[in-house]
């Protein structure tokens, strides 16, 4: 693990985003190591209540369904997940709650979806593997989406409850940081800015660290 740590402090971090942007979750590109032989992806996330991980090719999307925002720790593969893998298997490794496969990539020719439910208070780390052998015709994978827009100021749509607005902000900041190579992301304080003329801003602090 690289032992370099960078802390992002203060300032207005993000505009309000649309509801559809919130629904996209936090994207992450896989770290590809090795290669050849049977396929394997190891995924580690931190979840408070409920979240889903959708894996397509070399890209995964982490969506918080309820509770505090889930965040990434690790997404490591020896190759992209094919559209139609052979002998696909899901293996839960670690976590105190429920981790289950809710969409098999062989059923839709595209992505695997894993749902996590953490029944106890506070965040918990969850680790699972996706395993496969080759592909059944029409292989390949979905191309990675473009990088997220830069963090900055813009017109906010308004109309969001404060907690929803905060969660939108956190998901978007996590998205940007993971695309910049930061795998450990933790929010210290995130609140609406009530200063005059800034009612559509969310402010706070976030710490991020590179490495796996």
C-alpha atoms as a PDB file:
ATOM      1  CA  UNK A   1       0.000   0.000   0.000  1.00  0.00           C
ATOM      2  CA  UNK A   2       1.249   3.431  -0.874  1.00  0.00           C
ATOM      3  CA  UNK A   3       1.668   5.465   2.247  1.00  0.00           C
ATOM      4  CA  UNK A   4       0.906   8.861   0.811  1.00  0.00           C
ATOM      5  CA  UNK A   5      -2.089  10.649   2.257  1.00  0.00           C
ATOM      6  CA  UNK A   6      -3.772  13.767   1.077  1.00  0.00           C
ATOM      7  CA  UNK A   7      -6.501  15.667   2.877  1.00  0.00           C
ATOM      8  CA  UNK A   8      -9.031  17.887   1.145  1.00  0.00           C
ATOM      9  CA  UNK A   9     -10.245  20.588   3.526  1.00  0.00           C
ATOM     10  CA  UNK A  10     -12.821  23.315   3.724  1.00  0.00           C
ATOM     11  CA  UNK A  11     -14.385  25.353   0.940  1.00  0.00           C
ATOM     12  CA  UNK A  12     -17.610  24.923  -0.904  1.00  0.00           C
ATOM     13  CA  UNK A  13     -17.236  21.541  -2.549  1.00  0.00           C
ATOM     14  CA  UNK A  14     -20.163  21.073  -4.851  1.00  0.00           C
ATOM     15  CA  UNK A  15     -23.335  22.366  -6.415  1.00  0.00           C
ATOM     16  CA  UNK A  16     -26.664  20.625  -6.024  1.00  0.00           C
ATOM     17  CA  UNK A  17     -26.993  17.962  -8.709  1.00  0.00           C
ATOM     18  CA  UNK A  18     -30.079  16.552 -10.395  1.00  0.00           C
ATOM     19  CA  UNK A  19     -31.890  13.534  -9.038  1.00  0.00           C
ATOM     20  CA  UNK A  20     -30.777  11.446 -12.001  1.00  0.00           C
ATOM     21  CA  UNK A  21     -27.142  12.211 -11.196  1.00  0.00           C
ATOM     22  CA  UNK A  22     -27.661  10.935  -7.662  1.00  0.00           C
ATOM     23  CA  UNK A  23     -29.085   7.683  -8.989  1.00  0.00           C
ATOM     24  CA  UNK A  24     -25.934   6.943 -10.993  1.00  0.00           C
ATOM     25  CA  UNK A  25     -23.926   6.163  -7.832  1.00  0.00           C
ATOM     26  CA  UNK A  26     -20.147   6.301  -7.474  1.00  0.00           C
ATOM     27  CA  UNK A  27     -18.150   4.892 -10.387  1.00  0.00           C
ATOM     28  CA  UNK A  28     -14.839   3.058 -10.087  1.00  0.00           C
ATOM     29  CA  UNK A  29     -12.434   1.626 -12.667  1.00  0.00           C
ATOM     30  CA  UNK A  30     -10.862  -1.719 -11.848  1.00  0.00           C
ATOM     31  CA  UNK A  31      -7.177  -2.098 -11.095  1.00  0.00           C
ATOM     32  CA  UNK A  32      -6.211  -4.823 -13.583  1.00  0.00           C
ATOM     33  CA  UNK A  33      -3.420  -7.140 -12.423  1.00  0.00           C
ATOM     34  CA  UNK A  34      -2.209 -10.457 -13.793  1.00  0.00           C
ATOM     35  CA  UNK A  35      -4.301 -11.750 -16.664  1.00  0.00           C
ATOM     36  CA  UNK A  36      -4.911 -15.016 -18.461  1.00  0.00           C
ATOM     37  CA  UNK A  37      -6.601 -18.084 -17.059  1.00  0.00           C
ATOM     38  CA  UNK A  38      -9.905 -17.873 -15.254  1.00  0.00           C
ATOM     39  CA  UNK A  39     -11.402 -14.488 -14.466  1.00  0.00           C
ATOM     40  CA  UNK A  40     -11.649 -12.958 -11.007  1.00  0.00           C
ATOM     41  CA  UNK A  41     -12.645  -9.626  -9.473  1.00  0.00           C
ATOM     42  CA  UNK A  42     -12.290  -8.830  -5.774  1.00  0.00           C
ATOM     43  CA  UNK A  43     -14.454  -5.984  -4.512  1.00  0.00           C
ATOM     44  CA  UNK A  44     -14.376  -4.309  -1.107  1.00  0.00           C
ATOM     45  CA  UNK A  45     -16.809  -1.567  -0.075  1.00  0.00           C
ATOM     46  CA  UNK A  46     -17.956   0.042   3.177  1.00  0.00           C
ATOM     47  CA  UNK A  47     -21.716   0.154   3.783  1.00  0.00           C
ATOM     48  CA  UNK A  48     -23.879   1.667   6.521  1.00  0.00           C
ATOM     49  CA  UNK A  49     -27.331   0.199   5.757  1.00  0.00           C
ATOM     50  CA  UNK A  50     -27.941  -0.879   2.154  1.00  0.00           C
ATOM     51  CA  UNK A  51     -26.093  -0.524  -1.139  1.00  0.00           C
ATOM     52  CA  UNK A  52     -25.686  -2.153  -4.547  1.00  0.00           C
ATOM     53  CA  UNK A  53     -22.578  -2.806  -6.626  1.00  0.00           C
ATOM     54  CA  UNK A  54     -23.048  -3.191 -10.389  1.00  0.00           C
ATOM     55  CA  UNK A  55     -20.062  -4.529 -12.358  1.00  0.00           C
ATOM     56  CA  UNK A  56     -19.833  -4.244 -16.138  1.00  0.00           C
ATOM     57  CA  UNK A  57     -16.540  -4.905 -17.898  1.00  0.00           C
ATOM     58  CA  UNK A  58     -13.806  -3.017 -16.063  1.00  0.00           C
ATOM     59  CA  UNK A  59     -16.162  -0.509 -14.436  1.00  0.00           C
ATOM     60  CA  UNK A  60     -18.329  -0.762 -11.316  1.00  0.00           C
ATOM     61  CA  UNK A  61     -20.995   1.476  -9.857  1.00  0.00           C
ATOM     62  CA  UNK A  62     -21.606   1.699  -6.086  1.00  0.00           C
ATOM     63  CA  UNK A  63     -25.081   3.023  -5.249  1.00  0.00           C
ATOM     64  CA  UNK A  64     -26.227   3.843  -1.718  1.00  0.00           C
ATOM     65  CA  UNK A  65     -29.798   2.621  -1.237  1.00  0.00           C
ATOM     66  CA  UNK A  66     -30.198   3.789   2.374  1.00  0.00           C
ATOM     67  CA  UNK A  67     -28.076   4.934   5.308  1.00  0.00           C
ATOM     68  CA  UNK A  68     -24.868   6.945   5.149  1.00  0.00           C
ATOM     69  CA  UNK A  69     -23.085   6.997   1.769  1.00  0.00           C
ATOM     70  CA  UNK A  70     -21.247   3.792   0.939  1.00  0.00           C
ATOM     71  CA  UNK A  71     -17.675   4.132  -0.324  1.00  0.00           C
ATOM     72  CA  UNK A  72     -15.049   2.129  -2.165  1.00  0.00           C
ATOM     73  CA  UNK A  73     -11.986   0.429  -0.727  1.00  0.00           C
ATOM     74  CA  UNK A  74     -10.936  -1.962  -3.481  1.00  0.00           C
ATOM     75  CA  UNK A  75     -11.865  -3.078  -7.010  1.00  0.00           C
ATOM     76  CA  UNK A  76      -9.179  -5.396  -8.355  1.00  0.00           C
ATOM     77  CA  UNK A  77      -9.512  -7.810 -11.305  1.00  0.00           C
ATOM     78  CA  UNK A  78      -7.299  -9.933 -13.525  1.00  0.00           C
ATOM     79  CA  UNK A  79      -9.418  -8.885 -16.500  1.00  0.00           C
ATOM     80  CA  UNK A  80     -12.743  -7.206 -17.384  1.00  0.00           C
ATOM     81  CA  UNK A  81     -15.943  -9.136 -16.727  1.00  0.00           C
ATOM     82  CA  UNK A  82     -17.193 -10.474 -20.124  1.00  0.00           C
ATOM     83  CA  UNK A  83     -20.728  -9.926 -21.320  1.00  0.00           C
ATOM     84  CA  UNK A  84     -21.503 -13.665 -21.312  1.00  0.00           C
ATOM     85  CA  UNK A  85     -19.112 -15.398 -18.917  1.00  0.00           C
ATOM     86  CA  UNK A  86     -18.965 -19.179 -18.508  1.00  0.00           C
ATOM     87  CA  UNK A  87     -19.306 -20.803 -15.087  1.00  0.00           C
ATOM     88  CA  UNK A  88     -19.956 -17.499 -13.362  1.00  0.00           C
ATOM     89  CA  UNK A  89     -19.848 -17.599  -9.547  1.00  0.00           C
ATOM     90  CA  UNK A  90     -20.341 -15.113  -6.735  1.00  0.00           C
ATOM     91  CA  UNK A  91     -18.470 -15.717  -3.451  1.00  0.00           C
ATOM     92  CA  UNK A  92     -19.095 -13.627  -0.327  1.00  0.00           C
ATOM     93  CA  UNK A  93     -15.924 -13.304   1.780  1.00  0.00           C
ATOM     94  CA  UNK A  94     -16.380 -10.833   4.612  1.00  0.00           C
ATOM     95  CA  UNK A  95     -19.067  -8.708   6.288  1.00  0.00           C
ATOM     96  CA  UNK A  96     -21.521  -9.039   9.168  1.00  0.00           C
ATOM     97  CA  UNK A  97     -24.701  -8.617   7.089  1.00  0.00           C
ATOM     98  CA  UNK A  98     -26.274  -9.990   3.943  1.00  0.00           C
ATOM     99  CA  UNK A  99     -24.396  -9.994   0.617  1.00  0.00           C
ATOM    100  CA  UNK A 100     -26.126 -11.617  -2.344  1.00  0.00           C
ATOM    101  CA  UNK A 101     -26.076 -11.703  -6.117  1.00  0.00           C
ATOM    102  CA  UNK A 102     -29.297 -10.188  -7.462  1.00  0.00           C
ATOM    103  CA  UNK A 103     -28.371 -10.115 -11.166  1.00  0.00           C
ATOM    104  CA  UNK A 104     -26.300 -12.720 -12.971  1.00  0.00           C
ATOM    105  CA  UNK A 105     -24.436 -11.331 -16.023  1.00  0.00           C
ATOM    106  CA  UNK A 106     -25.440 -14.449 -17.960  1.00  0.00           C
ATOM    107  CA  UNK A 107     -29.098 -13.479 -17.607  1.00  0.00           C
ATOM    108  CA  UNK A 108     -28.755 -10.061 -19.218  1.00  0.00           C
ATOM    109  CA  UNK A 109     -25.548 -10.380 -21.233  1.00  0.00           C
ATOM    110  CA  UNK A 110     -24.035  -7.393 -19.501  1.00  0.00           C
ATOM    111  CA  UNK A 111     -23.595  -6.719 -15.783  1.00  0.00           C
ATOM    112  CA  UNK A 112     -23.500  -8.417 -12.397  1.00  0.00           C
ATOM    113  CA  UNK A 113     -25.314  -6.746  -9.493  1.00  0.00           C
ATOM    114  CA  UNK A 114     -24.613  -7.507  -5.826  1.00  0.00           C
ATOM    115  CA  UNK A 115     -26.841  -6.155  -3.053  1.00  0.00           C
ATOM    116  CA  UNK A 116     -25.522  -5.554   0.470  1.00  0.00           C
ATOM    117  CA  UNK A 117     -27.632  -5.108   3.591  1.00  0.00           C
ATOM    118  CA  UNK A 118     -25.908  -4.195   6.831  1.00  0.00           C
ATOM    119  CA  UNK A 119     -28.420  -4.675   9.696  1.00  0.00           C
ATOM    120  CA  UNK A 120     -26.426  -3.091  12.516  1.00  0.00           C
ATOM    121  CA  UNK A 121     -25.645   0.531  13.267  1.00  0.00           C
ATOM    122  CA  UNK A 122     -22.469   2.074  11.881  1.00  0.00           C
ATOM    123  CA  UNK A 123     -20.462   1.274   8.782  1.00  0.00           C
ATOM    124  CA  UNK A 124     -19.041  -2.173   7.985  1.00  0.00           C
ATOM    125  CA  UNK A 125     -16.587  -3.405   5.360  1.00  0.00           C
ATOM    126  CA  UNK A 126     -17.793  -6.022   2.874  1.00  0.00           C
ATOM    127  CA  UNK A 127     -15.623  -8.080   0.518  1.00  0.00           C
ATOM    128  CA  UNK A 128     -16.732 -10.451  -2.233  1.00  0.00           C
ATOM    129  CA  UNK A 129     -15.361 -12.148  -5.359  1.00  0.00           C
ATOM    130  CA  UNK A 130     -16.792 -12.531  -8.846  1.00  0.00           C
ATOM    131  CA  UNK A 131     -15.365 -15.586 -10.629  1.00  0.00           C
ATOM    132  CA  UNK A 132     -15.815 -16.762 -14.219  1.00  0.00           C
ATOM    133  CA  UNK A 133     -14.289 -18.850 -16.981  1.00  0.00           C
ATOM    134  CA  UNK A 134     -14.099 -17.468 -20.517  1.00  0.00           C
ATOM    135  CA  UNK A 135     -17.167 -16.155 -22.341  1.00  0.00           C
ATOM    136  CA  UNK A 136     -19.984 -17.631 -24.393  1.00  0.00           C
ATOM    137  CA  UNK A 137     -19.865 -15.814 -27.702  1.00  0.00           C
ATOM    138  CA  UNK A 138     -20.241 -12.097 -28.253  1.00  0.00           C
ATOM    139  CA  UNK A 139     -17.647 -11.400 -25.565  1.00  0.00           C
ATOM    140  CA  UNK A 140     -16.285  -8.016 -24.772  1.00  0.00           C
ATOM    141  CA  UNK A 141     -17.589  -5.543 -22.267  1.00  0.00           C
ATOM    142  CA  UNK A 142     -19.302  -2.221 -21.940  1.00  0.00           C
ATOM    143  CA  UNK A 143     -16.989   0.757 -22.434  1.00  0.00           C
ATOM    144  CA  UNK A 144     -16.170   2.814 -19.381  1.00  0.00           C
ATOM    145  CA  UNK A 145     -18.249   5.975 -18.935  1.00  0.00           C
ATOM    146  CA  UNK A 146     -16.605   9.372 -19.334  1.00  0.00           C
ATOM    147  CA  UNK A 147     -15.046  10.974 -16.255  1.00  0.00           C
ATOM    148  CA  UNK A 148     -17.386  12.981 -14.022  1.00  0.00           C
ATOM    149  CA  UNK A 149     -17.579  16.759 -14.396  1.00  0.00           C
ATOM    150  CA  UNK A 150     -15.146  18.839 -12.350  1.00  0.00           C
ATOM    151  CA  UNK A 151     -16.142  19.984  -8.897  1.00  0.00           C
ATOM    152  CA  UNK A 152     -17.175  23.598  -8.920  1.00  0.00           C
ATOM    153  CA  UNK A 153     -19.984  26.092  -8.714  1.00  0.00           C
ATOM    154  CA  UNK A 154     -23.076  26.182 -10.850  1.00  0.00           C
ATOM    155  CA  UNK A 155     -26.828  26.748 -10.626  1.00  0.00           C
ATOM    156  CA  UNK A 156     -28.530  24.429  -8.163  1.00  0.00           C
ATOM    157  CA  UNK A 157     -31.977  23.037  -9.011  1.00  0.00           C
ATOM    158  CA  UNK A 158     -33.204  23.466  -5.436  1.00  0.00           C
ATOM    159  CA  UNK A 159     -36.102  21.595  -3.937  1.00  0.00           C
ATOM    160  CA  UNK A 160     -34.057  18.801  -2.319  1.00  0.00           C
ATOM    161  CA  UNK A 161     -34.487  17.932   1.365  1.00  0.00           C
ATOM    162  CA  UNK A 162     -31.232  18.794   3.214  1.00  0.00           C
ATOM    163  CA  UNK A 163     -30.208  15.177   3.888  1.00  0.00           C
ATOM    164  CA  UNK A 164     -30.805  14.187   0.248  1.00  0.00           C
ATOM    165  CA  UNK A 165     -28.778  17.162  -0.947  1.00  0.00           C
ATOM    166  CA  UNK A 166     -25.896  16.202   1.368  1.00  0.00           C
ATOM    167  CA  UNK A 167     -25.939  12.611   0.093  1.00  0.00           C
ATOM    168  CA  UNK A 168     -25.940  13.805  -3.535  1.00  0.00           C
ATOM    169  CA  UNK A 169     -22.928  15.962  -2.724  1.00  0.00           C
ATOM    170  CA  UNK A 170     -21.023  13.170  -0.984  1.00  0.00           C
ATOM    171  CA  UNK A 171     -21.656  10.670  -3.780  1.00  0.00           C
ATOM    172  CA  UNK A 172     -20.478  13.149  -6.393  1.00  0.00           C
ATOM    173  CA  UNK A 173     -17.318  14.087  -4.492  1.00  0.00           C
ATOM    174  CA  UNK A 174     -16.523  10.386  -3.937  1.00  0.00           C
ATOM    175  CA  UNK A 175     -17.028   9.816  -7.658  1.00  0.00           C
ATOM    176  CA  UNK A 176     -14.507  12.525  -8.540  1.00  0.00           C
ATOM    177  CA  UNK A 177     -11.922  11.329  -6.010  1.00  0.00           C
ATOM    178  CA  UNK A 178     -12.072   7.694  -7.098  1.00  0.00           C
ATOM    179  CA  UNK A 179     -11.556   8.734 -10.710  1.00  0.00           C
ATOM    180  CA  UNK A 180      -8.502  10.676  -9.506  1.00  0.00           C
ATOM    181  CA  UNK A 181      -7.063   7.494  -7.954  1.00  0.00           C
ATOM    182  CA  UNK A 182      -8.074   7.865  -4.303  1.00  0.00           C
ATOM    183  CA  UNK A 183      -9.453   4.605  -2.884  1.00  0.00           C
ATOM    184  CA  UNK A 184     -10.116   5.471   0.786  1.00  0.00           C
ATOM    185  CA  UNK A 185     -12.603   8.340   1.139  1.00  0.00           C
ATOM    186  CA  UNK A 186     -14.075   9.542   4.447  1.00  0.00           C
ATOM    187  CA  UNK A 187     -16.268  12.580   5.079  1.00  0.00           C
ATOM    188  CA  UNK A 188     -15.733  14.495   8.322  1.00  0.00           C
ATOM    189  CA  UNK A 189     -18.443  17.156   8.130  1.00  0.00           C
ATOM    190  CA  UNK A 190     -20.949  18.049   5.426  1.00  0.00           C
ATOM    191  CA  UNK A 191     -23.681  20.677   5.878  1.00  0.00           C
ATOM    192  CA  UNK A 192     -25.799  23.078   3.786  1.00  0.00           C
ATOM    193  CA  UNK A 193     -24.296  26.563   3.541  1.00  0.00           C
ATOM    194  CA  UNK A 194     -26.814  29.058   4.921  1.00  0.00           C
ATOM    195  CA  UNK A 195     -24.814  32.185   4.147  1.00  0.00           C
ATOM    196  CA  UNK A 196     -26.705  34.801   2.080  1.00  0.00           C
ATOM    197  CA  UNK A 197     -26.699  34.007  -1.616  1.00  0.00           C
ATOM    198  CA  UNK A 198     -25.306  30.488  -1.097  1.00  0.00           C
ATOM    199  CA  UNK A 199     -28.419  28.497  -0.210  1.00  0.00           C
ATOM    200  CA  UNK A 200     -27.714  26.032  -3.055  1.00  0.00           C
ATOM    201  CA  UNK A 201     -24.241  25.111  -1.785  1.00  0.00           C
ATOM    202  CA  UNK A 202     -23.075  22.188   0.338  1.00  0.00           C
ATOM    203  CA  UNK A 203     -19.851  22.679   2.332  1.00  0.00           C
ATOM    204  CA  UNK A 204     -17.663  20.290   4.266  1.00  0.00           C
ATOM    205  CA  UNK A 205     -14.391  18.392   4.615  1.00  0.00           C
ATOM    206  CA  UNK A 206     -13.290  15.095   3.144  1.00  0.00           C
ATOM    207  CA  UNK A 207     -10.119  13.002   3.552  1.00  0.00           C
ATOM    208  CA  UNK A 208      -8.815  10.662   0.862  1.00  0.00           C
ATOM    209  CA  UNK A 209      -5.844   8.322   0.567  1.00  0.00           C
ATOM    210  CA  UNK A 210      -4.298   6.616  -2.432  1.00  0.00           C
ATOM    211  CA  UNK A 211      -3.508   2.922  -2.442  1.00  0.00           C
ATOM    212  CA  UNK A 212      -5.208  -0.423  -1.848  1.00  0.00           C
END
